[in-house]
Amino acid sequence: MTVNGSKQGVLRIIEKLGEASEAAISSQMGVSLSYTEDLCTSLAKSGYLARTAGGYELTPEGKRVLRPYRTGGVTGVGRRSAAVYPILPPPG
């Protein structure tokens, strides 16, 4: 599974907070709680997130998938918070 867009945003928020509830992620991203639940469920099924008593945390695989994007990026501003999006090479 390719992790990009909103799913990468979820991973970055959890990386920043260490552990996060779906409500906290939803608030940070400025999206609905039901959309956040779908994102987290998908990421957990793919092995990138683990369920905790307080919400979710990154698995080793979740940390690994973020590693290539830590060296730089372009800052984009969402509705409620700023996020860093990686500079990716053109497709093909």
N, C-alpha and C. Protein backbone atom coordinates (compact mmCIF):
# COMPACT_ATOMS: atom_id res chain seq x y z
N MET A 1 0.83 -1.18 0.00
CA MET A 1 0.00 0.00 0.00
C MET A 1 0.88 1.25 0.00
N THR A 2 0.56 2.18 -0.86
CA THR A 2 1.26 3.45 -0.89
C THR A 2 0.64 4.36 0.16
N VAL A 3 1.48 5.00 0.92
CA VAL A 3 1.00 5.91 1.95
C VAL A 3 1.24 7.34 1.46
N ASN A 4 0.16 8.03 1.11
CA ASN A 4 0.28 9.40 0.66
C ASN A 4 -0.95 10.18 1.09
N GLY A 5 -0.95 11.45 0.83
CA GLY A 5 -2.10 12.28 1.12
C GLY A 5 -2.52 12.25 2.58
N SER A 6 -3.80 12.00 2.78
CA SER A 6 -4.37 12.02 4.13
C SER A 6 -3.78 10.94 5.03
N LYS A 7 -3.48 9.78 4.47
CA LYS A 7 -2.90 8.71 5.30
C LYS A 7 -1.53 9.12 5.82
N GLN A 8 -0.75 9.76 4.98
CA GLN A 8 0.55 10.24 5.44
C GLN A 8 0.37 11.33 6.50
N GLY A 9 -0.67 12.15 6.34
CA GLY A 9 -0.96 13.16 7.34
C GLY A 9 -1.27 12.56 8.70
N VAL A 10 -2.04 11.46 8.72
CA VAL A 10 -2.34 10.77 9.97
C VAL A 10 -1.05 10.26 10.61
N LEU A 11 -0.19 9.63 9.82
CA LEU A 11 1.07 9.11 10.37
C LEU A 11 1.93 10.23 10.93
N ARG A 12 1.98 11.36 10.25
CA ARG A 12 2.80 12.48 10.72
C ARG A 12 2.26 13.07 12.03
N ILE A 13 0.96 13.15 12.16
CA ILE A 13 0.37 13.66 13.40
C ILE A 13 0.71 12.72 14.56
N ILE A 14 0.58 11.42 14.33
CA ILE A 14 0.88 10.46 15.39
C ILE A 14 2.37 10.47 15.70
N GLU A 15 3.19 10.63 14.68
CA GLU A 15 4.64 10.73 14.91
C GLU A 15 4.94 11.93 15.81
N LYS A 16 4.29 13.04 15.56
CA LYS A 16 4.51 14.26 16.34
C LYS A 16 4.02 14.10 17.78
N LEU A 17 2.84 13.49 17.95
CA LEU A 17 2.24 13.39 19.28
C LEU A 17 2.67 12.14 20.06
N GLY A 18 3.17 11.13 19.38
CA GLY A 18 3.56 9.88 20.03
C GLY A 18 2.40 8.90 20.10
N GLU A 19 1.23 9.39 20.42
CA GLU A 19 0.00 8.60 20.48
C GLU A 19 -1.14 9.60 20.28
N ALA A 20 -2.17 9.19 19.55
CA ALA A 20 -3.26 10.13 19.31
C ALA A 20 -4.58 9.40 19.14
N SER A 21 -5.63 10.01 19.64
CA SER A 21 -6.99 9.49 19.45
C SER A 21 -7.49 9.90 18.07
N GLU A 22 -8.53 9.23 17.61
CA GLU A 22 -9.13 9.59 16.33
C GLU A 22 -9.66 11.03 16.39
N ALA A 23 -10.22 11.43 17.53
CA ALA A 23 -10.74 12.79 17.68
C ALA A 23 -9.62 13.81 17.56
N ALA A 24 -8.46 13.54 18.16
CA ALA A 24 -7.33 14.47 18.08
C ALA A 24 -6.80 14.57 16.65
N ILE A 25 -6.72 13.44 15.97
CA ILE A 25 -6.26 13.43 14.59
C ILE A 25 -7.23 14.20 13.71
N SER A 26 -8.52 13.94 13.89
CA SER A 26 -9.57 14.62 13.14
C SER A 26 -9.47 16.13 13.31
N SER A 27 -9.28 16.57 14.54
CA SER A 27 -9.17 17.99 14.84
C SER A 27 -7.93 18.60 14.19
N GLN A 28 -6.80 17.92 14.28
CA GLN A 28 -5.55 18.41 13.69
C GLN A 28 -5.64 18.52 12.17
N MET A 29 -6.31 17.56 11.54
CA MET A 29 -6.42 17.53 10.08
C MET A 29 -7.55 18.39 9.54
N GLY A 30 -8.53 18.70 10.39
CA GLY A 30 -9.68 19.47 9.94
C GLY A 30 -10.62 18.67 9.06
N VAL A 31 -10.73 17.36 9.36
CA VAL A 31 -11.63 16.48 8.60
C VAL A 31 -12.61 15.82 9.56
N SER A 32 -13.61 15.15 9.02
CA SER A 32 -14.63 14.52 9.87
C SER A 32 -14.05 13.35 10.65
N LEU A 33 -14.69 13.06 11.77
CA LEU A 33 -14.29 11.94 12.60
C LEU A 33 -14.47 10.63 11.85
N SER A 34 -15.55 10.48 11.09
CA SER A 34 -15.78 9.22 10.36
C SER A 34 -14.69 8.99 9.31
N TYR A 35 -14.24 10.05 8.63
CA TYR A 35 -13.16 9.91 7.65
C TYR A 35 -11.87 9.51 8.36
N THR A 36 -11.60 10.12 9.51
CA THR A 36 -10.42 9.79 10.29
C THR A 36 -10.46 8.33 10.75
N GLU A 37 -11.63 7.87 11.19
CA GLU A 37 -11.77 6.47 11.60
C GLU A 37 -11.44 5.53 10.44
N ASP A 38 -11.92 5.86 9.23
CA ASP A 38 -11.61 5.04 8.05
C ASP A 38 -10.12 5.03 7.76
N LEU A 39 -9.48 6.19 7.85
CA LEU A 39 -8.04 6.27 7.60
C LEU A 39 -7.25 5.43 8.61
N CYS A 40 -7.59 5.59 9.88
CA CYS A 40 -6.88 4.85 10.94
C CYS A 40 -7.10 3.35 10.82
N THR A 41 -8.31 2.93 10.52
CA THR A 41 -8.60 1.50 10.35
C THR A 41 -7.79 0.94 9.20
N SER A 42 -7.73 1.65 8.10
CA SER A 42 -6.96 1.20 6.94
C SER A 42 -5.47 1.11 7.27
N LEU A 43 -4.93 2.12 7.94
CA LEU A 43 -3.51 2.12 8.31
C LEU A 43 -3.19 1.02 9.31
N ALA A 44 -4.11 0.75 10.23
CA ALA A 44 -3.89 -0.33 11.21
C ALA A 44 -3.92 -1.69 10.51
N LYS A 45 -4.86 -1.90 9.59
CA LYS A 45 -4.93 -3.16 8.85
C LYS A 45 -3.68 -3.39 8.00
N SER A 46 -3.08 -2.30 7.55
CA SER A 46 -1.87 -2.40 6.72
C SER A 46 -0.60 -2.52 7.56
N GLY A 47 -0.74 -2.43 8.89
CA GLY A 47 0.41 -2.62 9.77
C GLY A 47 1.19 -1.37 10.11
N TYR A 48 0.65 -0.19 9.78
CA TYR A 48 1.36 1.06 10.06
C TYR A 48 1.01 1.67 11.42
N LEU A 49 -0.17 1.31 11.95
CA LEU A 49 -0.62 1.80 13.25
C LEU A 49 -1.00 0.64 14.15
N ALA A 50 -0.81 0.84 15.44
CA ALA A 50 -1.26 -0.12 16.45
C ALA A 50 -2.25 0.58 17.38
N ARG A 51 -3.31 -0.11 17.75
CA ARG A 51 -4.32 0.43 18.66
C ARG A 51 -3.74 0.46 20.07
N THR A 52 -4.01 1.53 20.79
CA THR A 52 -3.59 1.66 22.19
C THR A 52 -4.81 2.08 23.00
N ALA A 53 -4.64 2.14 24.31
CA ALA A 53 -5.74 2.58 25.17
C ALA A 53 -6.15 4.01 24.85
N GLY A 54 -5.20 4.84 24.42
CA GLY A 54 -5.47 6.24 24.12
C GLY A 54 -5.75 6.54 22.65
N GLY A 55 -5.72 5.53 21.81
CA GLY A 55 -5.96 5.75 20.38
C GLY A 55 -5.07 4.89 19.52
N TYR A 56 -4.07 5.51 18.88
CA TYR A 56 -3.15 4.80 18.00
C TYR A 56 -1.73 5.29 18.21
N GLU A 57 -0.78 4.40 17.88
CA GLU A 57 0.63 4.77 17.85
C GLU A 57 1.24 4.14 16.60
N LEU A 58 2.38 4.66 16.16
CA LEU A 58 3.05 4.12 15.00
C LEU A 58 3.67 2.77 15.32
N THR A 59 3.62 1.86 14.38
CA THR A 59 4.35 0.61 14.49
C THR A 59 5.75 0.85 13.90
N PRO A 60 6.67 -0.10 14.06
CA PRO A 60 7.97 0.06 13.39
C PRO A 60 7.81 0.27 11.88
N GLU A 61 6.86 -0.41 11.26
CA GLU A 61 6.62 -0.23 9.83
C GLU A 61 6.09 1.18 9.53
N GLY A 62 5.26 1.70 10.39
CA GLY A 62 4.76 3.07 10.23
C GLY A 62 5.88 4.08 10.33
N LYS A 63 6.82 3.86 11.24
CA LYS A 63 7.98 4.75 11.36
C LYS A 63 8.88 4.63 10.14
N ARG A 64 9.03 3.41 9.64
CA ARG A 64 9.89 3.17 8.48
C ARG A 64 9.36 3.87 7.24
N VAL A 65 8.06 3.84 7.06
CA VAL A 65 7.48 4.42 5.85
C VAL A 65 7.60 5.96 5.85
N LEU A 66 7.72 6.57 7.01
CA LEU A 66 7.90 8.02 7.08
C LEU A 66 9.36 8.44 6.90
N ARG A 67 10.29 7.57 7.15
CA ARG A 67 11.71 7.90 7.13
C ARG A 67 12.17 8.58 5.83
N PRO A 68 11.78 8.13 4.64
CA PRO A 68 12.28 8.78 3.42
C PRO A 68 11.83 10.23 3.26
N TYR A 69 10.80 10.63 3.97
CA TYR A 69 10.24 11.97 3.80
C TYR A 69 10.76 12.98 4.81
N ARG A 70 11.66 12.60 5.67
CA ARG A 70 12.12 13.50 6.73
C ARG A 70 13.20 14.47 6.28
N THR A 71 13.74 14.31 5.09
CA THR A 71 14.89 15.11 4.68
C THR A 71 14.53 16.44 4.05
N GLY A 72 13.28 16.69 3.79
CA GLY A 72 12.90 17.96 3.21
C GLY A 72 11.47 17.92 2.74
N GLY A 73 10.98 19.03 2.35
CA GLY A 73 9.61 19.06 1.87
C GLY A 73 9.11 20.47 1.71
N VAL A 74 7.91 20.55 1.31
CA VAL A 74 7.25 21.83 1.11
C VAL A 74 6.19 21.95 2.18
N THR A 75 6.12 23.08 2.83
CA THR A 75 5.11 23.28 3.86
C THR A 75 3.81 23.71 3.20
N GLY A 76 2.76 22.96 3.50
CA GLY A 76 1.43 23.29 3.00
C GLY A 76 0.54 23.61 4.19
N VAL A 77 -0.37 24.50 4.03
CA VAL A 77 -1.24 24.88 5.13
C VAL A 77 -2.64 24.35 4.86
N GLY A 78 -3.13 23.54 5.79
CA GLY A 78 -4.48 23.01 5.70
C GLY A 78 -5.45 23.99 6.34
N ARG A 79 -6.67 23.53 6.55
CA ARG A 79 -7.68 24.41 7.13
C ARG A 79 -7.36 24.77 8.58
N ARG A 80 -6.76 23.84 9.31
CA ARG A 80 -6.55 24.12 10.73
C ARG A 80 -5.11 24.01 11.18
N SER A 81 -4.26 23.39 10.39
CA SER A 81 -2.88 23.24 10.83
C SER A 81 -1.96 23.16 9.63
N ALA A 82 -0.69 23.39 9.88
CA ALA A 82 0.30 23.28 8.82
C ALA A 82 0.81 21.85 8.77
N ALA A 83 1.10 21.39 7.59
CA ALA A 83 1.64 20.05 7.40
C ALA A 83 2.81 20.16 6.43
N VAL A 84 3.72 19.22 6.51
CA VAL A 84 4.85 19.18 5.59
C VAL A 84 4.62 18.06 4.61
N TYR A 85 4.63 18.40 3.33
CA TYR A 85 4.44 17.42 2.27
C TYR A 85 5.77 17.24 1.56
N PRO A 86 6.15 16.00 1.29
CA PRO A 86 7.44 15.75 0.68
C PRO A 86 7.49 16.24 -0.77
N ILE A 87 8.70 16.55 -1.21
CA ILE A 87 8.91 16.85 -2.62
C ILE A 87 9.18 15.52 -3.30
N LEU A 88 8.28 15.11 -4.16
CA LEU A 88 8.39 13.81 -4.81
C LEU A 88 8.82 14.00 -6.26
N PRO A 89 9.57 13.02 -6.80
CA PRO A 89 9.94 13.12 -8.21
C PRO A 89 8.70 12.95 -9.08
N PRO A 90 8.75 13.47 -10.30
CA PRO A 90 7.60 13.31 -11.19
C PRO A 90 7.35 11.85 -11.51
N PRO A 91 6.10 11.45 -11.72
CA PRO A 91 5.80 10.04 -12.02
C PRO A 91 6.41 9.61 -13.35
N GLY A 92 6.70 8.33 -13.41
CA GLY A 92 7.16 7.74 -14.66
C GLY A 92 8.61 7.78 -14.79
